[in-house]
Amino acid sequence: MAHTQNSVAVLGIGAMGHGMATSALRAGIPTIVWNRTPEATRDLVELGAEVAETAADAAQRAAIVVTMVTDTDAVVAIAREQGMLAALASGAIWVQMSTIGVAGIERVAALAVEERPDVTLLDAPVSGSKEPAEQGQLTIFASGAEDARERVTPLFDALGQRTIWVGPVGNGTRLKIVNNTWLAFATEAVAVSVALARRLGLESRRWSTRSAAVRSFPHGRQPSCNAFSRTTSRPSSP
């Protein structure tokens, strides 16, 4: 596969990366995949993916490179030791979608600025799990240069039902932390409410249904964050 304007490389084919690559392929996006253990990529070939032998090989063939791995050290190892960052074409976009925390994204951003100022880094962690990733139903908390947004919109539309843009690199990660905190408190509140309802002798079936709805929050309605974000949504499939 030659380098094309809309080609995407997904580096890290774990549960989330696999689902995201599947969604990109389903949308017709030329997709290159790489994983430390190639076995994880084999079924993606049947969907039309090309498997790169190295992270650097994948990066040099794509206009947009997604990293979706376990932690900051893994991201940095792919970028530096595996040669991904050096292999990126000038003007390429690196979309860091792993959940690595504020210190992690600051470390990655510093690395990108120091070693490849000609590459655009976007910070775009997601809310959702394996199934929403496979169905293109993630929520994406995106941050970074405005002039890169149009280029990544087809990819983000394929991966998620909603993208929330929140300013410069690092804000996506910060909003992901806020989202996780909200969800934790909401889930705890429902659990306490259900327990209280039972103690008061109330029917708890409706409470249990509401609890399930709260747990699905990352894949459905969320606070708009209109005070500091721009939101783009894709209608859910019927």
C-alpha atoms as a PDB file:
ATOM      1  CA  MET A   1       0.000   0.000   0.000  1.00  0.00           C
ATOM      2  CA  ALA A   2       1.462   3.318  -1.041  1.00  0.00           C
ATOM      3  CA  HIS A   3       1.258   6.352   1.203  1.00  0.00           C
ATOM      4  CA  THR A   4      -2.125   8.004   0.575  1.00  0.00           C
ATOM      5  CA  GLN A   5      -3.856  10.992   2.107  1.00  0.00           C
ATOM      6  CA  ASN A   6      -6.496   8.921   3.879  1.00  0.00           C
ATOM      7  CA  SER A   7      -4.499   5.830   4.844  1.00  0.00           C
ATOM      8  CA  VAL A   8      -4.471   4.947   8.543  1.00  0.00           C
ATOM      9  CA  ALA A   9      -2.113   2.786  10.576  1.00  0.00           C
ATOM     10  CA  VAL A  10      -3.310   1.291  13.856  1.00  0.00           C
ATOM     11  CA  LEU A  11      -0.433   0.346  16.149  1.00  0.00           C
ATOM     12  CA  GLY A  12      -1.459  -1.932  18.993  1.00  0.00           C
ATOM     13  CA  ILE A  13      -3.998  -4.626  18.142  1.00  0.00           C
ATOM     14  CA  GLY A  14      -5.306  -5.508  21.566  1.00  0.00           C
ATOM     15  CA  ALA A  15      -9.035  -5.670  22.269  1.00  0.00           C
ATOM     16  CA  MET A  16      -9.531  -1.949  21.638  1.00  0.00           C
ATOM     17  CA  GLY A  17      -7.100  -1.570  18.755  1.00  0.00           C
ATOM     18  CA  HIS A  18      -8.581  -4.607  17.030  1.00  0.00           C
ATOM     19  CA  GLY A  19     -12.089  -3.211  17.330  1.00  0.00           C
ATOM     20  CA  MET A  20     -11.003   0.194  16.084  1.00  0.00           C
ATOM     21  CA  ALA A  21      -9.185  -1.287  13.090  1.00  0.00           C
ATOM     22  CA  THR A  22     -12.301  -3.325  12.311  1.00  0.00           C
ATOM     23  CA  SER A  23     -14.454  -0.185  12.347  1.00  0.00           C
ATOM     24  CA  ALA A  24     -12.005   1.705  10.132  1.00  0.00           C
ATOM     25  CA  LEU A  25     -11.984  -1.127   7.610  1.00  0.00           C
ATOM     26  CA  ARG A  26     -15.775  -1.378   7.647  1.00  0.00           C
ATOM     27  CA  ALA A  27     -15.893   2.325   6.727  1.00  0.00           C
ATOM     28  CA  GLY A  28     -13.646   1.685   3.731  1.00  0.00           C
ATOM     29  CA  ILE A  29     -10.571   3.406   5.156  1.00  0.00           C
ATOM     30  CA  PRO A  30      -7.285   1.898   3.878  1.00  0.00           C
ATOM     31  CA  THR A  31      -5.861   0.443   7.070  1.00  0.00           C
ATOM     32  CA  ILE A  32      -2.425  -0.867   7.998  1.00  0.00           C
ATOM     33  CA  VAL A  33      -2.058  -2.726  11.279  1.00  0.00           C
ATOM     34  CA  TRP A  34       0.884  -3.661  13.471  1.00  0.00           C
ATOM     35  CA  ASN A  35       1.191  -5.523  16.742  1.00  0.00           C
ATOM     36  CA  ARG A  36       4.110  -6.917  18.705  1.00  0.00           C
ATOM     37  CA  THR A  37       2.535 -10.364  18.320  1.00  0.00           C
ATOM     38  CA  PRO A  38       1.390 -10.687  14.687  1.00  0.00           C
ATOM     39  CA  GLU A  39      -1.175 -13.381  15.517  1.00  0.00           C
ATOM     40  CA  ALA A  40      -3.564 -10.668  16.724  1.00  0.00           C
ATOM     41  CA  THR A  41      -3.684  -9.133  13.237  1.00  0.00           C
ATOM     42  CA  ARG A  42      -4.406 -12.203  11.134  1.00  0.00           C
ATOM     43  CA  ASP A  43      -8.193 -12.034  11.015  1.00  0.00           C
ATOM     44  CA  LEU A  44      -7.998  -8.352  10.053  1.00  0.00           C
ATOM     45  CA  VAL A  45      -6.341  -9.373   6.780  1.00  0.00           C
ATOM     46  CA  GLU A  46      -9.620 -11.037   5.783  1.00  0.00           C
ATOM     47  CA  LEU A  47     -11.325  -7.660   6.276  1.00  0.00           C
ATOM     48  CA  GLY A  48      -8.840  -5.936   3.989  1.00  0.00           C
ATOM     49  CA  ALA A  49      -6.092  -4.776   6.337  1.00  0.00           C
ATOM     50  CA  GLU A  50      -2.430  -4.849   5.432  1.00  0.00           C
ATOM     51  CA  VAL A  51      -0.096  -6.109   8.139  1.00  0.00           C
ATOM     52  CA  ALA A  52       3.180  -4.253   8.621  1.00  0.00           C
ATOM     53  CA  GLU A  53       6.231  -6.102   9.853  1.00  0.00           C
ATOM     54  CA  THR A  54       7.328  -3.209  12.058  1.00  0.00           C
ATOM     55  CA  ALA A  55       5.806  -0.114  13.607  1.00  0.00           C
ATOM     56  CA  ALA A  56       8.136   2.012  11.489  1.00  0.00           C
ATOM     57  CA  ASP A  57       6.982   0.261   8.317  1.00  0.00           C
ATOM     58  CA  ALA A  58       3.348   0.944   9.219  1.00  0.00           C
ATOM     59  CA  ALA A  59       4.049   4.589  10.058  1.00  0.00           C
ATOM     60  CA  GLN A  60       5.886   5.440   6.861  1.00  0.00           C
ATOM     61  CA  ARG A  61       2.986   4.097   4.788  1.00  0.00           C
ATOM     62  CA  ALA A  62       0.190   6.033   6.488  1.00  0.00           C
ATOM     63  CA  ALA A  63      -0.999   9.637   6.636  1.00  0.00           C
ATOM     64  CA  ILE A  64      -2.574   9.095  10.060  1.00  0.00           C
ATOM     65  CA  VAL A  65      -1.072   6.842  12.724  1.00  0.00           C
ATOM     66  CA  VAL A  66      -3.074   5.710  15.754  1.00  0.00           C
ATOM     67  CA  THR A  67      -1.402   4.369  18.881  1.00  0.00           C
ATOM     68  CA  MET A  68      -3.636   2.280  21.145  1.00  0.00           C
ATOM     69  CA  VAL A  69      -1.559   0.457  23.739  1.00  0.00           C
ATOM     70  CA  THR A  70      -1.452  -0.160  27.473  1.00  0.00           C
ATOM     71  CA  ASP A  71       0.480   2.740  28.987  1.00  0.00           C
ATOM     72  CA  THR A  72       2.870   5.644  28.460  1.00  0.00           C
ATOM     73  CA  ASP A  73       5.978   3.481  28.380  1.00  0.00           C
ATOM     74  CA  ALA A  74       4.460   1.370  25.604  1.00  0.00           C
ATOM     75  CA  VAL A  75       3.556   4.486  23.604  1.00  0.00           C
ATOM     76  CA  VAL A  76       7.077   5.901  23.959  1.00  0.00           C
ATOM     77  CA  ALA A  77       8.647   2.550  23.098  1.00  0.00           C
ATOM     78  CA  ILE A  78       6.659   2.369  19.866  1.00  0.00           C
ATOM     79  CA  ALA A  79       7.455   5.989  19.021  1.00  0.00           C
ATOM     80  CA  ARG A  80      11.162   5.833  19.774  1.00  0.00           C
ATOM     81  CA  GLU A  81      12.563   2.290  20.082  1.00  0.00           C
ATOM     82  CA  GLN A  82      10.275   0.862  17.392  1.00  0.00           C
ATOM     83  CA  GLY A  83      11.032   3.797  15.102  1.00  0.00           C
ATOM     84  CA  MET A  84       7.474   4.994  14.520  1.00  0.00           C
ATOM     85  CA  LEU A  85       8.106   8.680  15.127  1.00  0.00           C
ATOM     86  CA  ALA A  86      11.162   8.876  12.907  1.00  0.00           C
ATOM     87  CA  ALA A  87       9.352   7.034  10.118  1.00  0.00           C
ATOM     88  CA  LEU A  88       6.365   9.391   9.923  1.00  0.00           C
ATOM     89  CA  ALA A  89       6.177  11.525   6.811  1.00  0.00           C
ATOM     90  CA  SER A  90       6.386  15.272   7.250  1.00  0.00           C
ATOM     91  CA  GLY A  91       2.850  16.562   7.793  1.00  0.00           C
ATOM     92  CA  ALA A  92       1.553  13.235   9.085  1.00  0.00           C
ATOM     93  CA  ILE A  93      -0.836  13.080  12.034  1.00  0.00           C
ATOM     94  CA  TRP A  94      -0.131  11.001  15.131  1.00  0.00           C
ATOM     95  CA  VAL A  95      -3.365  10.266  17.001  1.00  0.00           C
ATOM     96  CA  GLN A  96      -2.551   9.082  20.517  1.00  0.00           C
ATOM     97  CA  MET A  97      -5.715   7.265  21.682  1.00  0.00           C
ATOM     98  CA  SER A  98      -4.380   5.221  24.598  1.00  0.00           C
ATOM     99  CA  THR A  99      -5.493   6.288  28.079  1.00  0.00           C
ATOM    100  CA  ILE A 100      -2.193   7.365  29.652  1.00  0.00           C
ATOM    101  CA  GLY A 101      -3.078  10.187  32.048  1.00  0.00           C
ATOM    102  CA  VAL A 102      -2.017  13.818  32.126  1.00  0.00           C
ATOM    103  CA  ALA A 103       1.648  13.149  32.909  1.00  0.00           C
ATOM    104  CA  GLY A 104       1.713  10.565  30.135  1.00  0.00           C
ATOM    105  CA  ILE A 105       0.325  12.800  27.416  1.00  0.00           C
ATOM    106  CA  GLU A 106       2.616  15.635  28.504  1.00  0.00           C
ATOM    107  CA  ARG A 107       5.585  13.296  28.145  1.00  0.00           C
ATOM    108  CA  VAL A 108       4.411  12.171  24.702  1.00  0.00           C
ATOM    109  CA  ALA A 109       3.729  15.743  23.568  1.00  0.00           C
ATOM    110  CA  ALA A 110       7.220  16.829  24.646  1.00  0.00           C
ATOM    111  CA  LEU A 111       8.715  13.924  22.711  1.00  0.00           C
ATOM    112  CA  ALA A 112       6.796  14.842  19.566  1.00  0.00           C
ATOM    113  CA  VAL A 113       7.765  18.519  19.757  1.00  0.00           C
ATOM    114  CA  GLU A 114      11.414  17.712  20.386  1.00  0.00           C
ATOM    115  CA  GLU A 115      11.888  15.033  17.766  1.00  0.00           C
ATOM    116  CA  ARG A 116       9.230  15.707  15.101  1.00  0.00           C
ATOM    117  CA  PRO A 117       7.867  19.266  15.134  1.00  0.00           C
ATOM    118  CA  ASP A 118       6.717  18.707  11.535  1.00  0.00           C
ATOM    119  CA  VAL A 119       4.222  16.054  12.699  1.00  0.00           C
ATOM    120  CA  THR A 120       0.856  16.923  14.270  1.00  0.00           C
ATOM    121  CA  LEU A 121       0.027  15.172  17.532  1.00  0.00           C
ATOM    122  CA  LEU A 122      -3.600  14.746  18.576  1.00  0.00           C
ATOM    123  CA  ASP A 123      -4.587  13.574  22.050  1.00  0.00           C
ATOM    124  CA  ALA A 124      -7.777  11.532  21.651  1.00  0.00           C
ATOM    125  CA  PRO A 125      -8.520   8.926  24.341  1.00  0.00           C
ATOM    126  CA  VAL A 126     -11.836   7.133  24.108  1.00  0.00           C
ATOM    127  CA  SER A 127     -14.698   6.075  26.313  1.00  0.00           C
ATOM    128  CA  GLY A 128     -15.983   2.586  25.628  1.00  0.00           C
ATOM    129  CA  SER A 129     -14.913  -1.024  25.614  1.00  0.00           C
ATOM    130  CA  LYS A 130     -14.337  -3.815  23.105  1.00  0.00           C
ATOM    131  CA  GLU A 131     -17.894  -4.085  21.806  1.00  0.00           C
ATOM    132  CA  PRO A 132     -18.421  -0.361  21.140  1.00  0.00           C
ATOM    133  CA  ALA A 133     -14.983  -0.269  19.499  1.00  0.00           C
ATOM    134  CA  GLU A 134     -16.016  -3.050  17.140  1.00  0.00           C
ATOM    135  CA  GLN A 135     -19.320  -1.329  16.376  1.00  0.00           C
ATOM    136  CA  GLY A 136     -17.883   2.150  15.853  1.00  0.00           C
ATOM    137  CA  GLN A 137     -19.758   3.429  18.896  1.00  0.00           C
ATOM    138  CA  LEU A 138     -16.975   4.923  21.002  1.00  0.00           C
ATOM    139  CA  THR A 139     -16.928   8.447  22.390  1.00  0.00           C
ATOM    140  CA  ILE A 140     -13.723  10.268  21.479  1.00  0.00           C
ATOM    141  CA  PHE A 141     -12.291  13.044  23.655  1.00  0.00           C
ATOM    142  CA  ALA A 142     -10.154  14.832  21.095  1.00  0.00           C
ATOM    143  CA  SER A 143      -7.718  17.695  21.469  1.00  0.00           C
ATOM    144  CA  GLY A 144      -5.054  19.263  19.322  1.00  0.00           C
ATOM    145  CA  ALA A 145      -4.513  21.530  16.332  1.00  0.00           C
ATOM    146  CA  GLU A 146      -7.710  22.735  14.685  1.00  0.00           C
ATOM    147  CA  ASP A 147      -6.265  22.416  11.194  1.00  0.00           C
ATOM    148  CA  ALA A 148      -5.947  18.641  11.660  1.00  0.00           C
ATOM    149  CA  ARG A 149      -9.595  18.081  12.560  1.00  0.00           C
ATOM    150  CA  GLU A 150     -10.944  17.882   9.031  1.00  0.00           C
ATOM    151  CA  ARG A 151      -8.359  15.278   8.085  1.00  0.00           C
ATOM    152  CA  VAL A 152      -9.200  12.962  10.983  1.00  0.00           C
ATOM    153  CA  THR A 153     -12.985  13.391  10.818  1.00  0.00           C
ATOM    154  CA  PRO A 154     -13.587  10.358   8.530  1.00  0.00           C
ATOM    155  CA  LEU A 155     -11.563   8.183  10.895  1.00  0.00           C
ATOM    156  CA  PHE A 156     -13.222   9.512  14.042  1.00  0.00           C
ATOM    157  CA  ASP A 157     -16.656   9.117  12.442  1.00  0.00           C
ATOM    158  CA  ALA A 158     -15.805   5.484  11.719  1.00  0.00           C
ATOM    159  CA  LEU A 159     -14.574   4.791  15.249  1.00  0.00           C
ATOM    160  CA  GLY A 160     -17.081   6.704  17.328  1.00  0.00           C
ATOM    161  CA  GLN A 161     -20.641   7.854  17.564  1.00  0.00           C
ATOM    162  CA  ARG A 162     -19.481  11.138  19.055  1.00  0.00           C
ATOM    163  CA  THR A 163     -16.335  13.267  19.075  1.00  0.00           C
ATOM    164  CA  ILE A 164     -15.863  16.008  21.654  1.00  0.00           C
ATOM    165  CA  TRP A 165     -13.143  18.541  20.776  1.00  0.00           C
ATOM    166  CA  VAL A 166     -11.678  20.313  23.788  1.00  0.00           C
ATOM    167  CA  GLY A 167      -8.841  22.582  22.757  1.00  0.00           C
ATOM    168  CA  PRO A 168      -5.079  21.954  22.828  1.00  0.00           C
ATOM    169  CA  VAL A 169      -3.278  18.631  23.278  1.00  0.00           C
ATOM    170  CA  GLY A 170      -3.772  17.295  26.793  1.00  0.00           C
ATOM    171  CA  ASN A 171      -7.340  18.482  27.229  1.00  0.00           C
ATOM    172  CA  GLY A 172      -8.720  15.292  25.726  1.00  0.00           C
ATOM    173  CA  THR A 173      -7.020  13.297  28.449  1.00  0.00           C
ATOM    174  CA  ARG A 174      -8.246  15.720  31.096  1.00  0.00           C
ATOM    175  CA  LEU A 175     -11.833  15.381  29.907  1.00  0.00           C
ATOM    176  CA  LYS A 176     -11.481  11.593  29.888  1.00  0.00           C
ATOM    177  CA  ILE A 177     -10.523  11.775  33.583  1.00  0.00           C
ATOM    178  CA  VAL A 178     -13.547  13.989  34.294  1.00  0.00           C
ATOM    179  CA  ASN A 179     -15.779  11.549  32.426  1.00  0.00           C
ATOM    180  CA  ASN A 180     -14.450   8.574  34.363  1.00  0.00           C
ATOM    181  CA  THR A 181     -14.944  10.395  37.662  1.00  0.00           C
ATOM    182  CA  TRP A 182     -18.519  11.342  36.754  1.00  0.00           C
ATOM    183  CA  LEU A 183     -19.260   7.750  35.794  1.00  0.00           C
ATOM    184  CA  ALA A 184     -17.773   6.381  39.015  1.00  0.00           C
ATOM    185  CA  PHE A 185     -19.862   8.727  41.169  1.00  0.00           C
ATOM    186  CA  ALA A 186     -23.007   8.098  39.106  1.00  0.00           C
ATOM    187  CA  THR A 187     -22.618   4.338  39.373  1.00  0.00           C
ATOM    188  CA  GLU A 188     -22.023   4.577  43.119  1.00  0.00           C
ATOM    189  CA  ALA A 189     -25.083   6.810  43.501  1.00  0.00           C
ATOM    190  CA  VAL A 190     -27.267   4.289  41.682  1.00  0.00           C
ATOM    191  CA  ALA A 191     -25.948   1.429  43.822  1.00  0.00           C
ATOM    192  CA  VAL A 192     -26.706   3.352  47.021  1.00  0.00           C
ATOM    193  CA  SER A 193     -30.163   4.278  45.721  1.00  0.00           C
ATOM    194  CA  VAL A 194     -31.001   0.677  44.823  1.00  0.00           C
ATOM    195  CA  ALA A 195     -29.884  -0.483  48.271  1.00  0.00           C
ATOM    196  CA  LEU A 196     -32.033   2.186  49.922  1.00  0.00           C
ATOM    197  CA  ALA A 197     -35.046   1.279  47.781  1.00  0.00           C
ATOM    198  CA  ARG A 198     -34.769  -2.359  48.818  1.00  0.00           C
ATOM    199  CA  ARG A 199     -34.449  -1.434  52.478  1.00  0.00           C
ATOM    200  CA  LEU A 200     -37.618   0.644  52.147  1.00  0.00           C
ATOM    201  CA  GLY A 201     -39.427  -2.261  50.527  1.00  0.00           C
ATOM    202  CA  LEU A 202     -39.696  -0.716  47.050  1.00  0.00           C
ATOM    203  CA  GLU A 203     -39.672  -2.628  43.792  1.00  0.00           C
ATOM    204  CA  SER A 204     -36.068  -2.523  42.584  1.00  0.00           C
ATOM    205  CA  ARG A 205     -36.497  -3.704  38.987  1.00  0.00           C
ATOM    206  CA  ARG A 206     -36.747  -0.169  37.620  1.00  0.00           C
ATOM    207  CA  TRP A 207     -33.738   0.885  39.690  1.00  0.00           C
ATOM    208  CA  SER A 208     -31.708  -1.984  38.238  1.00  0.00           C
ATOM    209  CA  THR A 209     -32.677  -0.911  34.729  1.00  0.00           C
ATOM    210  CA  ARG A 210     -31.531   2.619  35.468  1.00  0.00           C
ATOM    211  CA  SER A 211     -28.260   1.270  36.859  1.00  0.00           C
ATOM    212  CA  ALA A 212     -27.582  -0.508  33.576  1.00  0.00           C
ATOM    213  CA  ALA A 213     -28.325   2.725  31.725  1.00  0.00           C
ATOM    214  CA  VAL A 214     -25.787   4.628  33.810  1.00  0.00           C
ATOM    215  CA  ARG A 215     -23.143   1.993  33.170  1.00  0.00           C
ATOM    216  CA  SER A 216     -23.714   2.439  29.431  1.00  0.00           C
ATOM    217  CA  PHE A 217     -23.169   6.202  29.752  1.00  0.00           C
ATOM    218  CA  PRO A 218     -19.907   6.330  27.756  1.00  0.00           C
ATOM    219  CA  HIS A 219     -21.736   4.948  24.701  1.00  0.00           C
ATOM    220  CA  GLY A 220     -24.850   7.116  24.928  1.00  0.00           C
ATOM    221  CA  ARG A 221     -25.775  10.591  26.094  1.00  0.00           C
ATOM    222  CA  GLN A 222     -23.125  12.602  27.890  1.00  0.00           C
ATOM    223  CA  PRO A 223     -22.748  16.128  29.242  1.00  0.00           C
ATOM    224  CA  SER A 224     -22.230  18.452  26.287  1.00  0.00           C
ATOM    225  CA  CYS A 225     -19.248  20.306  27.792  1.00  0.00           C
ATOM    226  CA  ASN A 226     -20.401  23.229  25.632  1.00  0.00           C
ATOM    227  CA  ALA A 227     -18.543  25.744  27.795  1.00  0.00           C
ATOM    228  CA  PHE A 228     -15.188  24.556  26.498  1.00  0.00           C
ATOM    229  CA  SER A 229     -15.678  22.103  23.654  1.00  0.00           C
ATOM    230  CA  ARG A 230     -16.939  21.521  20.173  1.00  0.00           C
ATOM    231  CA  THR A 231     -18.934  18.331  19.686  1.00  0.00           C
ATOM    232  CA  THR A 232     -19.523  16.369  16.515  1.00  0.00           C
ATOM    233  CA  SER A 233     -21.919  13.464  16.517  1.00  0.00           C
ATOM    234  CA  ARG A 234     -22.677  10.655  14.117  1.00  0.00           C
ATOM    235  CA  PRO A 235     -26.224   9.261  14.185  1.00  0.00           C
ATOM    236  CA  SER A 236     -26.404   5.751  15.590  1.00  0.00           C
ATOM    237  CA  SER A 237     -27.192   2.971  13.143  1.00  0.00           C
ATOM    238  CA  PRO A 238     -30.874   2.024  13.129  1.00  0.00           C
END
